[in-house]
């Protein structure tokens, strides 16, 4: 298992810990994480954790400016 897989698994576990009754929102998180991995982490060259953090934050700002689109949620909370 490589570092990116570990990173992805840790984030998924932290987000879903004991509160995933309906996980449609989790699909959106997984899609966004896959974009982060493909666009930044796989090709990135990070000299330190501080550098990694700065590049992730810069990617988030870029993503929000250029690629983010609102999501129309359809789940009403009623089972």
N, C-alpha and C. Protein backbone atom coordinates (compact mmCIF):
# COMPACT_ATOMS: atom_id res chain seq x y z
N UNK A 1 0.85 -1.18 0.00
CA UNK A 1 0.00 0.00 0.00
C UNK A 1 0.89 1.24 0.00
N UNK A 2 0.61 2.15 -0.93
CA UNK A 2 1.44 3.35 -0.99
C UNK A 2 0.89 4.45 -0.09
N UNK A 3 1.64 5.55 0.01
CA UNK A 3 1.28 6.63 0.91
C UNK A 3 -0.06 7.27 0.53
N UNK A 4 -0.32 7.42 -0.78
CA UNK A 4 -1.58 8.03 -1.20
C UNK A 4 -2.78 7.19 -0.79
N UNK A 5 -2.66 5.87 -0.91
CA UNK A 5 -3.75 4.99 -0.50
C UNK A 5 -4.00 5.11 0.99
N UNK A 6 -2.93 5.16 1.77
CA UNK A 6 -3.08 5.32 3.22
C UNK A 6 -3.76 6.64 3.55
N UNK A 7 -3.33 7.72 2.91
CA UNK A 7 -3.91 9.04 3.12
C UNK A 7 -5.41 9.01 2.82
N UNK A 8 -5.76 8.44 1.69
CA UNK A 8 -7.16 8.34 1.26
C UNK A 8 -7.98 7.54 2.26
N UNK A 9 -7.47 6.40 2.70
CA UNK A 9 -8.18 5.55 3.65
C UNK A 9 -8.38 6.24 5.00
N UNK A 10 -7.38 6.94 5.48
CA UNK A 10 -7.49 7.64 6.76
C UNK A 10 -8.56 8.72 6.69
N UNK A 11 -8.59 9.47 5.60
CA UNK A 11 -9.60 10.52 5.45
C UNK A 11 -10.99 9.90 5.40
N UNK A 12 -11.16 8.84 4.64
CA UNK A 12 -12.47 8.19 4.56
C UNK A 12 -12.92 7.69 5.93
N UNK A 13 -12.02 7.08 6.68
CA UNK A 13 -12.38 6.57 8.00
C UNK A 13 -12.76 7.69 8.95
N UNK A 14 -12.00 8.78 8.92
CA UNK A 14 -12.29 9.90 9.81
C UNK A 14 -13.62 10.57 9.47
N UNK A 15 -13.97 10.63 8.20
CA UNK A 15 -15.21 11.28 7.81
C UNK A 15 -16.43 10.42 8.11
N UNK A 16 -16.27 9.11 8.09
CA UNK A 16 -17.43 8.23 8.15
C UNK A 16 -17.58 7.51 9.48
N UNK A 17 -16.76 7.78 10.43
CA UNK A 17 -16.74 7.08 11.70
C UNK A 17 -18.09 7.16 12.41
N UNK A 18 -18.83 6.05 12.43
CA UNK A 18 -20.10 5.88 13.15
C UNK A 18 -21.23 6.83 12.76
N UNK A 19 -21.14 7.55 11.66
CA UNK A 19 -22.27 8.42 11.32
C UNK A 19 -22.74 8.24 9.89
N UNK A 20 -22.36 7.15 9.27
CA UNK A 20 -22.72 6.92 7.87
C UNK A 20 -23.96 6.04 7.76
N UNK A 21 -25.09 6.57 8.13
CA UNK A 21 -26.32 5.81 7.92
C UNK A 21 -26.69 5.85 6.44
N UNK A 22 -26.62 7.02 5.85
CA UNK A 22 -26.85 7.20 4.43
C UNK A 22 -25.61 7.89 3.87
N UNK A 23 -24.92 7.25 2.97
CA UNK A 23 -23.60 7.75 2.58
C UNK A 23 -23.56 8.36 1.19
N UNK A 24 -24.66 8.92 0.69
CA UNK A 24 -24.60 9.55 -0.62
C UNK A 24 -23.61 10.72 -0.60
N UNK A 25 -23.51 11.42 0.52
CA UNK A 25 -22.55 12.51 0.64
C UNK A 25 -21.12 11.98 0.57
N UNK A 26 -20.93 10.74 1.01
CA UNK A 26 -19.59 10.15 1.00
C UNK A 26 -19.10 9.94 -0.43
N UNK A 27 -20.02 9.67 -1.35
CA UNK A 27 -19.63 9.54 -2.76
C UNK A 27 -19.00 10.82 -3.27
N UNK A 28 -19.56 11.96 -2.88
CA UNK A 28 -19.01 13.25 -3.30
C UNK A 28 -17.62 13.47 -2.72
N UNK A 29 -17.43 13.06 -1.47
CA UNK A 29 -16.11 13.18 -0.84
C UNK A 29 -15.11 12.31 -1.58
N UNK A 30 -15.49 11.08 -1.91
CA UNK A 30 -14.59 10.18 -2.63
C UNK A 30 -14.24 10.72 -4.01
N UNK A 31 -15.22 11.31 -4.69
CA UNK A 31 -14.95 11.90 -6.00
C UNK A 31 -13.95 13.04 -5.86
N UNK A 32 -14.16 13.91 -4.88
CA UNK A 32 -13.25 15.04 -4.70
C UNK A 32 -11.84 14.57 -4.32
N UNK A 33 -11.75 13.56 -3.46
CA UNK A 33 -10.43 13.04 -3.09
C UNK A 33 -9.73 12.43 -4.30
N UNK A 34 -10.48 11.77 -5.17
CA UNK A 34 -9.84 11.19 -6.35
C UNK A 34 -9.32 12.29 -7.27
N UNK A 35 -10.04 13.41 -7.36
CA UNK A 35 -9.55 14.55 -8.14
C UNK A 35 -8.27 15.10 -7.53
N UNK A 36 -8.24 15.25 -6.20
CA UNK A 36 -7.04 15.72 -5.52
C UNK A 36 -5.86 14.81 -5.79
N UNK A 37 -6.08 13.51 -5.73
CA UNK A 37 -5.00 12.55 -5.97
C UNK A 37 -4.51 12.66 -7.41
N UNK A 38 -5.44 12.66 -8.39
CA UNK A 38 -5.05 12.68 -9.79
C UNK A 38 -4.39 13.98 -10.21
N UNK A 39 -4.90 15.10 -9.73
CA UNK A 39 -4.42 16.40 -10.20
C UNK A 39 -3.21 16.92 -9.42
N UNK A 40 -3.03 16.49 -8.18
CA UNK A 40 -1.95 17.06 -7.37
C UNK A 40 -1.03 16.01 -6.76
N UNK A 41 -1.59 15.09 -6.02
CA UNK A 41 -0.75 14.22 -5.20
C UNK A 41 0.10 13.24 -5.99
N UNK A 42 -0.46 12.67 -7.07
CA UNK A 42 0.32 11.70 -7.85
C UNK A 42 1.52 12.33 -8.53
N UNK A 43 1.37 13.57 -8.98
CA UNK A 43 2.44 14.24 -9.72
C UNK A 43 3.26 15.18 -8.86
N UNK A 44 2.84 15.37 -7.63
CA UNK A 44 3.47 16.37 -6.78
C UNK A 44 4.85 16.00 -6.31
N UNK A 45 5.60 17.02 -6.01
CA UNK A 45 6.92 16.87 -5.42
C UNK A 45 6.91 17.72 -4.16
N UNK A 46 6.87 17.06 -3.01
CA UNK A 46 6.71 17.77 -1.75
C UNK A 46 7.97 17.59 -0.92
N UNK A 47 8.57 18.70 -0.53
CA UNK A 47 9.83 18.63 0.21
C UNK A 47 9.62 18.49 1.71
N UNK A 48 8.39 18.77 2.17
CA UNK A 48 8.09 18.66 3.60
C UNK A 48 6.58 18.58 3.78
N UNK A 49 6.15 18.26 4.98
CA UNK A 49 4.72 18.25 5.27
C UNK A 49 4.12 19.64 5.13
N UNK A 50 4.89 20.65 5.51
CA UNK A 50 4.44 22.04 5.36
C UNK A 50 4.20 22.37 3.89
N UNK A 51 5.11 21.93 3.03
CA UNK A 51 4.97 22.13 1.59
C UNK A 51 3.75 21.39 1.06
N UNK A 52 3.54 20.15 1.50
CA UNK A 52 2.37 19.37 1.10
C UNK A 52 1.09 20.10 1.50
N UNK A 53 1.03 20.56 2.73
CA UNK A 53 -0.14 21.29 3.20
C UNK A 53 -0.39 22.54 2.37
N UNK A 54 0.66 23.31 2.10
CA UNK A 54 0.52 24.54 1.32
C UNK A 54 0.01 24.25 -0.09
N UNK A 55 0.53 23.19 -0.70
CA UNK A 55 0.09 22.85 -2.06
C UNK A 55 -1.35 22.33 -2.07
N UNK A 56 -1.75 21.58 -1.06
CA UNK A 56 -3.14 21.12 -0.98
C UNK A 56 -4.07 22.32 -0.79
N UNK A 57 -3.72 23.25 0.08
CA UNK A 57 -4.54 24.44 0.29
C UNK A 57 -4.63 25.29 -0.98
N UNK A 58 -3.52 25.41 -1.71
CA UNK A 58 -3.53 26.15 -2.97
C UNK A 58 -4.41 25.44 -3.99
N UNK A 59 -4.36 24.11 -4.03
CA UNK A 59 -5.21 23.36 -4.95
C UNK A 59 -6.69 23.55 -4.60
N UNK A 60 -7.01 23.53 -3.32
CA UNK A 60 -8.40 23.73 -2.90
C UNK A 60 -8.90 25.11 -3.36
N UNK A 61 -8.09 26.13 -3.17
CA UNK A 61 -8.47 27.48 -3.61
C UNK A 61 -8.67 27.51 -5.13
N UNK A 62 -7.74 26.90 -5.88
CA UNK A 62 -7.86 26.83 -7.34
C UNK A 62 -9.11 26.07 -7.74
N UNK A 63 -9.34 24.92 -7.12
CA UNK A 63 -10.51 24.10 -7.43
C UNK A 63 -11.80 24.88 -7.19
N UNK A 64 -11.88 25.57 -6.08
CA UNK A 64 -13.08 26.33 -5.75
C UNK A 64 -13.33 27.47 -6.74
N UNK A 65 -12.25 28.06 -7.25
CA UNK A 65 -12.39 29.16 -8.21
C UNK A 65 -12.77 28.66 -9.60
N UNK A 66 -12.25 27.51 -10.01
CA UNK A 66 -12.34 27.12 -11.41
C UNK A 66 -13.19 25.88 -11.71
N UNK A 67 -13.30 24.95 -10.80
CA UNK A 67 -13.94 23.67 -11.12
C UNK A 67 -15.17 23.35 -10.29
N UNK A 68 -15.31 23.93 -9.13
CA UNK A 68 -16.40 23.56 -8.22
C UNK A 68 -17.75 23.96 -8.78
N UNK A 69 -18.71 23.06 -8.62
CA UNK A 69 -20.09 23.32 -9.02
C UNK A 69 -20.99 22.92 -7.87
N UNK A 70 -22.09 23.65 -7.66
CA UNK A 70 -23.01 23.28 -6.58
C UNK A 70 -23.59 21.89 -6.80
N UNK A 71 -23.87 21.21 -5.72
CA UNK A 71 -24.47 19.88 -5.77
C UNK A 71 -25.92 20.00 -5.34
N UNK A 72 -26.82 19.42 -6.11
CA UNK A 72 -28.23 19.42 -5.74
C UNK A 72 -28.50 18.13 -4.98
N UNK A 73 -28.61 18.20 -3.67
CA UNK A 73 -28.87 17.03 -2.85
C UNK A 73 -30.32 16.63 -2.99
N UNK A 74 -30.57 15.33 -3.10
CA UNK A 74 -31.93 14.84 -3.24
C UNK A 74 -32.40 14.06 -2.01
N UNK A 75 -31.48 13.69 -1.14
CA UNK A 75 -31.84 12.93 0.06
C UNK A 75 -32.59 13.83 1.04
N UNK A 76 -33.74 13.40 1.52
CA UNK A 76 -34.57 14.23 2.39
C UNK A 76 -34.38 13.91 3.87
N UNK A 77 -33.69 12.82 4.17
CA UNK A 77 -33.50 12.46 5.56
C UNK A 77 -34.58 11.52 6.09
N UNK A 78 -35.53 11.21 5.25
CA UNK A 78 -36.61 10.32 5.66
C UNK A 78 -36.36 8.93 5.07
N UNK A 79 -36.35 7.94 5.94
CA UNK A 79 -36.10 6.57 5.46
C UNK A 79 -37.39 5.84 5.23
